[in-house]
Amino acid sequence: MFDVPDSRKLQSRPVPVMGGMAVFFGIVVGAGATSVFFNSYALFTCIITLTVMMYVGMVDDLLGLSPTLRLIIEICLVGFIVYMDKTNINDMHGLFGIGKLPVYLSLPLCAVSCVGIINSINLIDGVDGLSSGICIFACLCFGIVFCSSYDGTMAVMASLAAGALVPFFFHNVFGLKSKMFVGDSGTLMLGMLMSIFCMRMIDNTSLAALNHPRLGVVAFSLSVLSVPVFDTLRVMFGRIFRGISPFHPDRSHLHHLFIELGFSHIGTSVSVISLNAFNVFCWLLCYLFGGDATE
């Protein structure tokens, strides 16, 4: 139940990795508490998928799972969300002149995109406060848009996740005796949640696209998750060009580069999260000054 230091990891002593379970129970207890004011049954499929991903990640932390098995489970859970919630990445909303996609294109695109998001959140978890800080920021961004679009279910889910992550963030960054890592149980669960947000944001029935036609929901989603997604793509293509497996672990991620430049853990996290926030700020400027995804 501890993450033991090795040549690739940046901590100097074993640290508990059950933080993801704490975040999970924070979300579940929060969902139960909000049921007084909100029909929390609407969150049923979210809670089910988060539960499965949390346990898959916990088993991976304790025993280790093959990448192939993890990939199969992730694809099955994405399929579960598509089937149960009837939501999908099936519309480009005018981006590059592309509208609604046929099923034979949207389903593979959805599977690849969601699995990529899940694993990008998992892979960026390398320094204190980075993955949790990125996900708090993403939940706030998605939550604001969901709330302004009257998508109450997803707005509540984003609020619950952000609220559950804040106390973990302080233990992860500033904890002495209580220091913990979120582990694979947390990163896989949070990656799944980010995927659900993107599916709900981009689907052809998207309330965000309906209520904010110039929003550019695809561009918005990419900007919110820009650093983890593009850092993962950069690292994987770099490994392929070097003739090694894209899943082979190394120290080429963005946070490793900051550490090698002499940044502290918290300095690295603040820098990377600020870079992600800058990308969202650029999107916001384009939106406020009349930019349109179809132009």
C-alpha atoms as a PDB file:
ATOM      1  CA  MET A   1       0.000   0.000   0.000  1.00  0.00           C
ATOM      2  CA  PHE A   2       3.062   2.235  -0.410  1.00  0.00           C
ATOM      3  CA  ASP A   3       4.778   3.733  -3.435  1.00  0.00           C
ATOM      4  CA  VAL A   4       8.420   2.680  -3.065  1.00  0.00           C
ATOM      5  CA  PRO A   5      11.145   4.942  -4.553  1.00  0.00           C
ATOM      6  CA  ASP A   6      13.048   3.723  -7.619  1.00  0.00           C
ATOM      7  CA  SER A   7      15.218   5.214 -10.371  1.00  0.00           C
ATOM      8  CA  ARG A   8      12.233   6.756 -12.179  1.00  0.00           C
ATOM      9  CA  LYS A   9      10.274   8.119  -9.201  1.00  0.00           C
ATOM     10  CA  LEU A  10      10.969  11.433  -7.555  1.00  0.00           C
ATOM     11  CA  GLN A  11      10.201  10.815  -3.867  1.00  0.00           C
ATOM     12  CA  SER A  12      12.898   9.735  -1.409  1.00  0.00           C
ATOM     13  CA  ARG A  13      10.807   7.524   0.914  1.00  0.00           C
ATOM     14  CA  PRO A  14       7.798   5.185   0.678  1.00  0.00           C
ATOM     15  CA  VAL A  15       4.473   7.067   0.586  1.00  0.00           C
ATOM     16  CA  PRO A  16       0.925   5.616   0.975  1.00  0.00           C
ATOM     17  CA  VAL A  17      -0.961   5.412  -2.343  1.00  0.00           C
ATOM     18  CA  MET A  18      -4.531   5.080  -1.076  1.00  0.00           C
ATOM     19  CA  GLY A  19      -5.387   8.751  -1.596  1.00  0.00           C
ATOM     20  CA  GLY A  20      -7.607   7.807  -4.530  1.00  0.00           C
ATOM     21  CA  MET A  21      -9.862   5.856  -2.190  1.00  0.00           C
ATOM     22  CA  ALA A  22     -10.209   8.918   0.050  1.00  0.00           C
ATOM     23  CA  VAL A  23     -11.186  11.061  -2.953  1.00  0.00           C
ATOM     24  CA  PHE A  24     -13.669   8.406  -4.086  1.00  0.00           C
ATOM     25  CA  PHE A  25     -15.441   8.292  -0.725  1.00  0.00           C
ATOM     26  CA  GLY A  26     -15.482  12.080  -0.652  1.00  0.00           C
ATOM     27  CA  ILE A  27     -17.371  12.053  -3.964  1.00  0.00           C
ATOM     28  CA  VAL A  28     -19.768   9.289  -2.868  1.00  0.00           C
ATOM     29  CA  VAL A  29     -20.532  10.878   0.515  1.00  0.00           C
ATOM     30  CA  GLY A  30     -20.999  14.220  -1.223  1.00  0.00           C
ATOM     31  CA  ALA A  31     -23.432  12.630  -3.697  1.00  0.00           C
ATOM     32  CA  GLY A  32     -25.389  11.190  -0.776  1.00  0.00           C
ATOM     33  CA  ALA A  33     -25.497  14.556   0.980  1.00  0.00           C
ATOM     34  CA  THR A  34     -26.714  16.395  -2.131  1.00  0.00           C
ATOM     35  CA  SER A  35     -29.533  13.861  -2.583  1.00  0.00           C
ATOM     36  CA  VAL A  36     -31.522  15.984  -0.104  1.00  0.00           C
ATOM     37  CA  PHE A  37     -31.675  18.736  -2.744  1.00  0.00           C
ATOM     38  CA  PHE A  38     -30.868  16.897  -5.980  1.00  0.00           C
ATOM     39  CA  ASN A  39     -31.895  13.592  -7.550  1.00  0.00           C
ATOM     40  CA  SER A  40     -28.516  11.903  -7.109  1.00  0.00           C
ATOM     41  CA  TYR A  41     -29.775   8.861  -9.052  1.00  0.00           C
ATOM     42  CA  ALA A  42     -28.855  10.902 -12.126  1.00  0.00           C
ATOM     43  CA  LEU A  43     -25.223  10.306 -11.100  1.00  0.00           C
ATOM     44  CA  PHE A  44     -25.688   6.512 -11.011  1.00  0.00           C
ATOM     45  CA  THR A  45     -23.634   5.666 -14.108  1.00  0.00           C
ATOM     46  CA  CYS A  46     -20.872   8.086 -13.082  1.00  0.00           C
ATOM     47  CA  ILE A  47     -20.594   6.509  -9.632  1.00  0.00           C
ATOM     48  CA  ILE A  48     -20.579   2.981 -11.090  1.00  0.00           C
ATOM     49  CA  THR A  49     -17.747   3.711 -13.528  1.00  0.00           C
ATOM     50  CA  LEU A  50     -15.739   5.624 -10.929  1.00  0.00           C
ATOM     51  CA  THR A  51     -16.132   2.706  -8.507  1.00  0.00           C
ATOM     52  CA  VAL A  52     -14.842   0.182 -11.039  1.00  0.00           C
ATOM     53  CA  MET A  53     -11.924   2.398 -12.054  1.00  0.00           C
ATOM     54  CA  MET A  54     -11.019   3.041  -8.422  1.00  0.00           C
ATOM     55  CA  TYR A  55     -10.817  -0.703  -7.695  1.00  0.00           C
ATOM     56  CA  VAL A  56      -8.941  -1.415 -10.939  1.00  0.00           C
ATOM     57  CA  GLY A  57      -6.401   1.242 -10.004  1.00  0.00           C
ATOM     58  CA  MET A  58      -6.124  -0.084  -6.453  1.00  0.00           C
ATOM     59  CA  VAL A  59      -5.383  -3.589  -7.707  1.00  0.00           C
ATOM     60  CA  ASP A  60      -2.840  -2.094 -10.116  1.00  0.00           C
ATOM     61  CA  ASP A  61      -1.192  -0.217  -7.222  1.00  0.00           C
ATOM     62  CA  LEU A  62      -0.993  -3.316  -5.025  1.00  0.00           C
ATOM     63  CA  LEU A  63      -0.421  -6.167  -7.478  1.00  0.00           C
ATOM     64  CA  GLY A  64       0.191  -4.658 -10.906  1.00  0.00           C
ATOM     65  CA  LEU A  65      -2.010  -5.174 -13.970  1.00  0.00           C
ATOM     66  CA  SER A  66      -0.957  -5.614 -17.567  1.00  0.00           C
ATOM     67  CA  PRO A  67      -1.510  -2.562 -19.798  1.00  0.00           C
ATOM     68  CA  THR A  68      -3.642  -4.727 -22.104  1.00  0.00           C
ATOM     69  CA  LEU A  69      -6.074  -5.720 -19.340  1.00  0.00           C
ATOM     70  CA  ARG A  70      -6.345  -2.137 -18.152  1.00  0.00           C
ATOM     71  CA  LEU A  71      -7.016  -1.001 -21.716  1.00  0.00           C
ATOM     72  CA  ILE A  72      -9.811  -3.567 -22.167  1.00  0.00           C
ATOM     73  CA  ILE A  73     -11.462  -2.517 -18.901  1.00  0.00           C
ATOM     74  CA  GLU A  74     -11.259   1.159 -19.840  1.00  0.00           C
ATOM     75  CA  ILE A  75     -12.853   0.542 -23.253  1.00  0.00           C
ATOM     76  CA  CYS A  76     -15.641  -1.525 -21.655  1.00  0.00           C
ATOM     77  CA  LEU A  77     -16.408   1.262 -19.169  1.00  0.00           C
ATOM     78  CA  VAL A  78     -16.493   3.879 -21.923  1.00  0.00           C
ATOM     79  CA  GLY A  79     -18.911   1.601 -23.792  1.00  0.00           C
ATOM     80  CA  PHE A  80     -21.021   1.324 -20.625  1.00  0.00           C
ATOM     81  CA  ILE A  81     -21.312   5.121 -20.393  1.00  0.00           C
ATOM     82  CA  VAL A  82     -22.168   5.415 -24.100  1.00  0.00           C
ATOM     83  CA  TYR A  83     -24.878   2.754 -23.787  1.00  0.00           C
ATOM     84  CA  MET A  84     -26.393   3.870 -20.472  1.00  0.00           C
ATOM     85  CA  ASP A  85     -26.247   7.662 -20.855  1.00  0.00           C
ATOM     86  CA  LYS A  86     -26.650   7.775 -24.651  1.00  0.00           C
ATOM     87  CA  THR A  87     -23.742  10.231 -24.804  1.00  0.00           C
ATOM     88  CA  ASN A  88     -20.796  10.093 -27.152  1.00  0.00           C
ATOM     89  CA  ILE A  89     -18.108  12.129 -28.915  1.00  0.00           C
ATOM     90  CA  ASN A  90     -20.207  12.194 -32.057  1.00  0.00           C
ATOM     91  CA  ASP A  91     -20.207  15.809 -33.232  1.00  0.00           C
ATOM     92  CA  MET A  92     -17.435  18.259 -34.124  1.00  0.00           C
ATOM     93  CA  HIS A  93     -19.904  21.192 -33.914  1.00  0.00           C
ATOM     94  CA  GLY A  94     -18.562  22.847 -37.053  1.00  0.00           C
ATOM     95  CA  LEU A  95     -14.855  22.438 -36.290  1.00  0.00           C
ATOM     96  CA  PHE A  96     -13.028  22.190 -39.664  1.00  0.00           C
ATOM     97  CA  GLY A  97     -16.493  22.229 -41.241  1.00  0.00           C
ATOM     98  CA  ILE A  98     -17.394  18.865 -39.675  1.00  0.00           C
ATOM     99  CA  GLY A  99     -20.745  18.328 -37.990  1.00  0.00           C
ATOM    100  CA  LYS A 100     -22.376  15.189 -36.648  1.00  0.00           C
ATOM    101  CA  LEU A 101     -20.332  12.022 -37.153  1.00  0.00           C
ATOM    102  CA  PRO A 102     -21.715   8.635 -38.231  1.00  0.00           C
ATOM    103  CA  VAL A 103     -21.724   5.869 -35.632  1.00  0.00           C
ATOM    104  CA  TYR A 104     -18.902   3.910 -37.303  1.00  0.00           C
ATOM    105  CA  LEU A 105     -16.637   6.945 -36.812  1.00  0.00           C
ATOM    106  CA  SER A 106     -17.937   8.341 -33.528  1.00  0.00           C
ATOM    107  CA  LEU A 107     -17.632   5.125 -31.499  1.00  0.00           C
ATOM    108  CA  PRO A 108     -13.934   4.468 -32.324  1.00  0.00           C
ATOM    109  CA  LEU A 109     -13.168   8.188 -31.880  1.00  0.00           C
ATOM    110  CA  CYS A 110     -14.907   8.161 -28.504  1.00  0.00           C
ATOM    111  CA  ALA A 111     -13.050   5.026 -27.353  1.00  0.00           C
ATOM    112  CA  VAL A 112      -9.628   6.321 -28.429  1.00  0.00           C
ATOM    113  CA  SER A 113     -10.216   9.818 -27.032  1.00  0.00           C
ATOM    114  CA  CYS A 114     -11.547   8.660 -23.671  1.00  0.00           C
ATOM    115  CA  VAL A 115      -8.860   6.007 -23.158  1.00  0.00           C
ATOM    116  CA  GLY A 116      -6.266   8.645 -24.076  1.00  0.00           C
ATOM    117  CA  ILE A 117      -7.676  11.096 -21.522  1.00  0.00           C
ATOM    118  CA  ILE A 118      -7.802   8.434 -18.787  1.00  0.00           C
ATOM    119  CA  ASN A 119      -4.178   7.486 -19.305  1.00  0.00           C
ATOM    120  CA  SER A 120      -2.977  11.072 -19.735  1.00  0.00           C
ATOM    121  CA  ILE A 121      -4.245  11.902 -16.231  1.00  0.00           C
ATOM    122  CA  ASN A 122      -2.599   8.717 -14.967  1.00  0.00           C
ATOM    123  CA  LEU A 123       0.756   9.519 -16.594  1.00  0.00           C
ATOM    124  CA  ILE A 124       0.949  13.146 -15.460  1.00  0.00           C
ATOM    125  CA  ASP A 125       0.835  12.073 -11.817  1.00  0.00           C
ATOM    126  CA  GLY A 126       4.545  12.442 -11.102  1.00  0.00           C
ATOM    127  CA  VAL A 127       5.018  15.288  -8.610  1.00  0.00           C
ATOM    128  CA  ASP A 128       3.102  16.474  -5.565  1.00  0.00           C
ATOM    129  CA  GLY A 129      -0.118  18.290  -6.347  1.00  0.00           C
ATOM    130  CA  LEU A 130       0.090  18.025 -10.134  1.00  0.00           C
ATOM    131  CA  SER A 131      -2.622  15.534 -11.105  1.00  0.00           C
ATOM    132  CA  SER A 132      -4.967  16.688  -8.318  1.00  0.00           C
ATOM    133  CA  GLY A 133      -4.328  20.358  -9.136  1.00  0.00           C
ATOM    134  CA  ILE A 134      -4.952  19.795 -12.848  1.00  0.00           C
ATOM    135  CA  CYS A 135      -8.186  17.924 -12.061  1.00  0.00           C
ATOM    136  CA  ILE A 136      -9.407  20.568  -9.585  1.00  0.00           C
ATOM    137  CA  PHE A 137      -8.817  23.212 -12.252  1.00  0.00           C
ATOM    138  CA  ALA A 138     -10.536  21.069 -14.926  1.00  0.00           C
ATOM    139  CA  CYS A 139     -13.543  20.377 -12.664  1.00  0.00           C
ATOM    140  CA  LEU A 140     -13.941  24.103 -11.996  1.00  0.00           C
ATOM    141  CA  CYS A 141     -13.774  24.916 -15.730  1.00  0.00           C
ATOM    142  CA  PHE A 142     -16.193  22.177 -16.751  1.00  0.00           C
ATOM    143  CA  GLY A 143     -18.436  22.941 -13.764  1.00  0.00           C
ATOM    144  CA  ILE A 144     -18.772  26.620 -14.680  1.00  0.00           C
ATOM    145  CA  VAL A 145     -19.781  25.770 -18.258  1.00  0.00           C
ATOM    146  CA  PHE A 146     -22.159  22.994 -17.156  1.00  0.00           C
ATOM    147  CA  CYS A 147     -23.766  25.320 -14.627  1.00  0.00           C
ATOM    148  CA  SER A 148     -24.186  28.157 -17.125  1.00  0.00           C
ATOM    149  CA  SER A 149     -25.666  25.627 -19.584  1.00  0.00           C
ATOM    150  CA  TYR A 150     -28.207  24.329 -17.022  1.00  0.00           C
ATOM    151  CA  ASP A 151     -26.700  20.834 -17.078  1.00  0.00           C
ATOM    152  CA  GLY A 152     -27.340  20.249 -13.382  1.00  0.00           C
ATOM    153  CA  THR A 153     -26.179  16.623 -13.260  1.00  0.00           C
ATOM    154  CA  MET A 154     -22.699  17.306 -14.569  1.00  0.00           C
ATOM    155  CA  ALA A 155     -22.406  20.591 -12.650  1.00  0.00           C
ATOM    156  CA  VAL A 156     -23.041  18.705  -9.397  1.00  0.00           C
ATOM    157  CA  MET A 157     -20.566  15.961 -10.391  1.00  0.00           C
ATOM    158  CA  ALA A 158     -17.856  18.510 -11.173  1.00  0.00           C
ATOM    159  CA  SER A 159     -18.469  20.271  -7.853  1.00  0.00           C
ATOM    160  CA  LEU A 160     -18.325  16.993  -5.906  1.00  0.00           C
ATOM    161  CA  ALA A 161     -15.038  15.990  -7.533  1.00  0.00           C
ATOM    162  CA  ALA A 162     -13.422  19.395  -6.953  1.00  0.00           C
ATOM    163  CA  GLY A 163     -14.583  19.403  -3.334  1.00  0.00           C
ATOM    164  CA  ALA A 164     -13.254  15.889  -2.708  1.00  0.00           C
ATOM    165  CA  LEU A 165      -9.888  16.730  -4.290  1.00  0.00           C
ATOM    166  CA  VAL A 166      -9.149  19.906  -2.310  1.00  0.00           C
ATOM    167  CA  PRO A 167      -8.406  18.215   1.064  1.00  0.00           C
ATOM    168  CA  PHE A 168      -6.377  15.515  -0.673  1.00  0.00           C
ATOM    169  CA  PHE A 169      -4.363  18.225  -2.437  1.00  0.00           C
ATOM    170  CA  PHE A 170      -3.310  19.722   0.909  1.00  0.00           C
ATOM    171  CA  HIS A 171      -2.299  16.319   2.317  1.00  0.00           C
ATOM    172  CA  ASN A 172      -0.395  15.510  -0.867  1.00  0.00           C
ATOM    173  CA  VAL A 173       1.495  18.799  -1.050  1.00  0.00           C
ATOM    174  CA  PHE A 174       1.835  19.943   2.569  1.00  0.00           C
ATOM    175  CA  GLY A 175       1.297  16.775   4.589  1.00  0.00           C
ATOM    176  CA  LEU A 176       4.110  15.667   6.876  1.00  0.00           C
ATOM    177  CA  LYS A 177       2.881  12.642   8.818  1.00  0.00           C
ATOM    178  CA  SER A 178      -0.301  12.507   6.688  1.00  0.00           C
ATOM    179  CA  LYS A 179       1.352  12.716   3.252  1.00  0.00           C
ATOM    180  CA  MET A 180      -0.229  10.457   0.619  1.00  0.00           C
ATOM    181  CA  PHE A 181      -0.331   9.899  -3.130  1.00  0.00           C
ATOM    182  CA  VAL A 182      -3.539   9.571  -5.153  1.00  0.00           C
ATOM    183  CA  GLY A 183      -2.169   6.412  -6.815  1.00  0.00           C
ATOM    184  CA  ASP A 184      -3.524   4.672  -9.897  1.00  0.00           C
ATOM    185  CA  SER A 185      -6.839   4.224  -8.072  1.00  0.00           C
ATOM    186  CA  GLY A 186      -7.248   8.002  -8.071  1.00  0.00           C
ATOM    187  CA  THR A 187      -5.752   8.935 -11.427  1.00  0.00           C
ATOM    188  CA  LEU A 188      -7.693   6.299 -13.382  1.00  0.00           C
ATOM    189  CA  MET A 189     -10.900   7.312 -11.620  1.00  0.00           C
ATOM    190  CA  LEU A 190     -10.296  11.008 -12.286  1.00  0.00           C
ATOM    191  CA  GLY A 191      -9.331  10.303 -15.891  1.00  0.00           C
ATOM    192  CA  MET A 192     -12.625   8.461 -16.315  1.00  0.00           C
ATOM    193  CA  LEU A 193     -14.472  11.444 -14.883  1.00  0.00           C
ATOM    194  CA  MET A 194     -12.702  13.855 -17.264  1.00  0.00           C
ATOM    195  CA  SER A 195     -13.712  11.559 -20.138  1.00  0.00           C
ATOM    196  CA  ILE A 196     -17.351  11.656 -19.046  1.00  0.00           C
ATOM    197  CA  PHE A 197     -17.228  15.454 -18.902  1.00  0.00           C
ATOM    198  CA  CYS A 198     -15.808  15.605 -22.439  1.00  0.00           C
ATOM    199  CA  MET A 199     -18.411  13.182 -23.767  1.00  0.00           C
ATOM    200  CA  ARG A 200     -21.211  15.201 -22.199  1.00  0.00           C
ATOM    201  CA  MET A 201     -19.704  18.466 -23.470  1.00  0.00           C
ATOM    202  CA  ILE A 202     -19.197  17.328 -27.085  1.00  0.00           C
ATOM    203  CA  ASP A 203     -22.220  15.069 -27.679  1.00  0.00           C
ATOM    204  CA  ASN A 204     -24.636  16.277 -30.353  1.00  0.00           C
ATOM    205  CA  THR A 205     -27.215  16.854 -27.580  1.00  0.00           C
ATOM    206  CA  SER A 206     -24.741  19.014 -25.614  1.00  0.00           C
ATOM    207  CA  LEU A 207     -26.503  21.674 -23.547  1.00  0.00           C
ATOM    208  CA  ALA A 208     -23.282  23.700 -23.589  1.00  0.00           C
ATOM    209  CA  ALA A 209     -23.258  23.807 -27.399  1.00  0.00           C
ATOM    210  CA  LEU A 210     -26.994  24.560 -27.452  1.00  0.00           C
ATOM    211  CA  ASN A 211     -26.851  27.427 -24.959  1.00  0.00           C
ATOM    212  CA  HIS A 212     -23.474  28.809 -26.085  1.00  0.00           C
ATOM    213  CA  PRO A 213     -23.286  28.312 -29.878  1.00  0.00           C
ATOM    214  CA  ARG A 214     -19.930  30.122 -30.221  1.00  0.00           C
ATOM    215  CA  LEU A 215     -18.334  28.288 -27.304  1.00  0.00           C
ATOM    216  CA  GLY A 216     -16.471  25.783 -29.456  1.00  0.00           C
ATOM    217  CA  VAL A 217     -16.985  22.823 -27.112  1.00  0.00           C
ATOM    218  CA  VAL A 218     -14.244  20.745 -28.777  1.00  0.00           C
ATOM    219  CA  ALA A 219     -11.694  23.571 -28.481  1.00  0.00           C
ATOM    220  CA  PHE A 220     -12.810  24.245 -24.897  1.00  0.00           C
ATOM    221  CA  SER A 221     -12.421  20.599 -23.855  1.00  0.00           C
ATOM    222  CA  LEU A 222      -8.984  20.391 -25.487  1.00  0.00           C
ATOM    223  CA  SER A 223      -7.833  23.594 -23.796  1.00  0.00           C
ATOM    224  CA  VAL A 224      -8.950  22.392 -20.347  1.00  0.00           C
ATOM    225  CA  LEU A 225      -7.032  19.111 -20.729  1.00  0.00           C
ATOM    226  CA  SER A 226      -4.328  20.453 -23.043  1.00  0.00           C
ATOM    227  CA  VAL A 227      -1.225  19.821 -20.930  1.00  0.00           C
ATOM    228  CA  PRO A 228      -1.897  16.196 -19.876  1.00  0.00           C
ATOM    229  CA  VAL A 229      -3.190  15.170 -23.316  1.00  0.00           C
ATOM    230  CA  PHE A 230      -0.476  16.768 -25.448  1.00  0.00           C
ATOM    231  CA  ASP A 231       2.310  15.869 -23.009  1.00  0.00           C
ATOM    232  CA  THR A 232       1.228  12.229 -23.234  1.00  0.00           C
ATOM    233  CA  LEU A 233       1.144  12.364 -27.046  1.00  0.00           C
ATOM    234  CA  ARG A 234       4.578  14.022 -27.122  1.00  0.00           C
ATOM    235  CA  VAL A 235       6.113  11.413 -24.829  1.00  0.00           C
ATOM    236  CA  MET A 236       4.573   8.429 -26.636  1.00  0.00           C
ATOM    237  CA  PHE A 237       5.581   9.613 -30.114  1.00  0.00           C
ATOM    238  CA  GLY A 238       9.062  10.377 -28.786  1.00  0.00           C
ATOM    239  CA  ARG A 239       9.396   6.809 -27.506  1.00  0.00           C
ATOM    240  CA  ILE A 240       8.211   5.407 -30.847  1.00  0.00           C
ATOM    241  CA  PHE A 241      10.764   7.530 -32.729  1.00  0.00           C
ATOM    242  CA  ARG A 242      13.470   6.176 -30.405  1.00  0.00           C
ATOM    243  CA  GLY A 243      12.402   2.632 -31.265  1.00  0.00           C
ATOM    244  CA  ILE A 244      10.967   1.676 -27.876  1.00  0.00           C
ATOM    245  CA  SER A 245       7.470   0.840 -26.685  1.00  0.00           C
ATOM    246  CA  PRO A 246       5.212   3.888 -26.181  1.00  0.00           C
ATOM    247  CA  PHE A 247       4.243   2.337 -22.816  1.00  0.00           C
ATOM    248  CA  HIS A 248       7.837   2.005 -21.624  1.00  0.00           C
ATOM    249  CA  PRO A 249       8.249   4.184 -18.485  1.00  0.00           C
ATOM    250  CA  ASP A 250      10.926   6.884 -18.535  1.00  0.00           C
ATOM    251  CA  ARG A 251      11.638  10.400 -17.253  1.00  0.00           C
ATOM    252  CA  SER A 252      10.638  12.405 -20.324  1.00  0.00           C
ATOM    253  CA  HIS A 253       7.325  13.846 -19.107  1.00  0.00           C
ATOM    254  CA  LEU A 254       6.952  17.596 -18.713  1.00  0.00           C
ATOM    255  CA  HIS A 255       7.132  17.442 -14.917  1.00  0.00           C
ATOM    256  CA  HIS A 256      10.404  15.473 -15.115  1.00  0.00           C
ATOM    257  CA  LEU A 257      11.867  18.196 -17.339  1.00  0.00           C
ATOM    258  CA  PHE A 258      10.897  20.897 -14.823  1.00  0.00           C
ATOM    259  CA  ILE A 259      12.481  18.905 -11.988  1.00  0.00           C
ATOM    260  CA  GLU A 260      15.700  18.518 -14.014  1.00  0.00           C
ATOM    261  CA  LEU A 261      15.754  22.305 -14.495  1.00  0.00           C
ATOM    262  CA  GLY A 262      15.849  22.690 -10.713  1.00  0.00           C
ATOM    263  CA  PHE A 263      12.185  23.348  -9.910  1.00  0.00           C
ATOM    264  CA  SER A 264      10.750  22.031  -6.643  1.00  0.00           C
ATOM    265  CA  HIS A 265       7.688  19.751  -6.644  1.00  0.00           C
ATOM    266  CA  ILE A 266       5.328  22.581  -5.800  1.00  0.00           C
ATOM    267  CA  GLY A 267       7.105  24.899  -8.253  1.00  0.00           C
ATOM    268  CA  THR A 268       6.692  22.282 -10.990  1.00  0.00           C
ATOM    269  CA  SER A 269       3.002  21.802 -10.208  1.00  0.00           C
ATOM    270  CA  VAL A 270       2.313  25.543 -10.157  1.00  0.00           C
ATOM    271  CA  SER A 271       4.190  26.026 -13.456  1.00  0.00           C
ATOM    272  CA  VAL A 272       2.431  23.190 -15.288  1.00  0.00           C
ATOM    273  CA  ILE A 273      -1.029  24.111 -13.972  1.00  0.00           C
ATOM    274  CA  SER A 274      -0.346  27.768 -14.893  1.00  0.00           C
ATOM    275  CA  LEU A 275       0.569  26.655 -18.426  1.00  0.00           C
ATOM    276  CA  ASN A 276      -2.720  24.757 -18.636  1.00  0.00           C
ATOM    277  CA  ALA A 277      -4.604  27.792 -17.283  1.00  0.00           C
ATOM    278  CA  PHE A 278      -2.884  29.990 -19.898  1.00  0.00           C
ATOM    279  CA  ASN A 279      -4.233  27.727 -22.658  1.00  0.00           C
ATOM    280  CA  VAL A 280      -7.751  28.090 -21.257  1.00  0.00           C
ATOM    281  CA  PHE A 281      -7.212  31.853 -20.998  1.00  0.00           C
ATOM    282  CA  CYS A 282      -6.269  31.941 -24.702  1.00  0.00           C
ATOM    283  CA  TRP A 283      -9.465  30.052 -25.531  1.00  0.00           C
ATOM    284  CA  LEU A 284     -11.450  32.500 -23.383  1.00  0.00           C
ATOM    285  CA  LEU A 285      -9.956  35.520 -25.169  1.00  0.00           C
ATOM    286  CA  CYS A 286     -10.877  34.024 -28.546  1.00  0.00           C
ATOM    287  CA  TYR A 287     -14.415  33.397 -27.303  1.00  0.00           C
ATOM    288  CA  LEU A 288     -14.844  36.890 -25.805  1.00  0.00           C
ATOM    289  CA  PHE A 289     -13.528  38.578 -28.948  1.00  0.00           C
ATOM    290  CA  GLY A 290     -15.899  36.727 -31.243  1.00  0.00           C
ATOM    291  CA  GLY A 291     -13.886  33.661 -32.251  1.00  0.00           C
ATOM    292  CA  ASP A 292     -15.924  30.814 -33.669  1.00  0.00           C
ATOM    293  CA  ALA A 293     -15.010  27.133 -34.063  1.00  0.00           C
ATOM    294  CA  THR A 294     -16.562  27.129 -37.529  1.00  0.00           C
ATOM    295  CA  GLU A 295     -14.355  29.951 -38.840  1.00  0.00           C
END
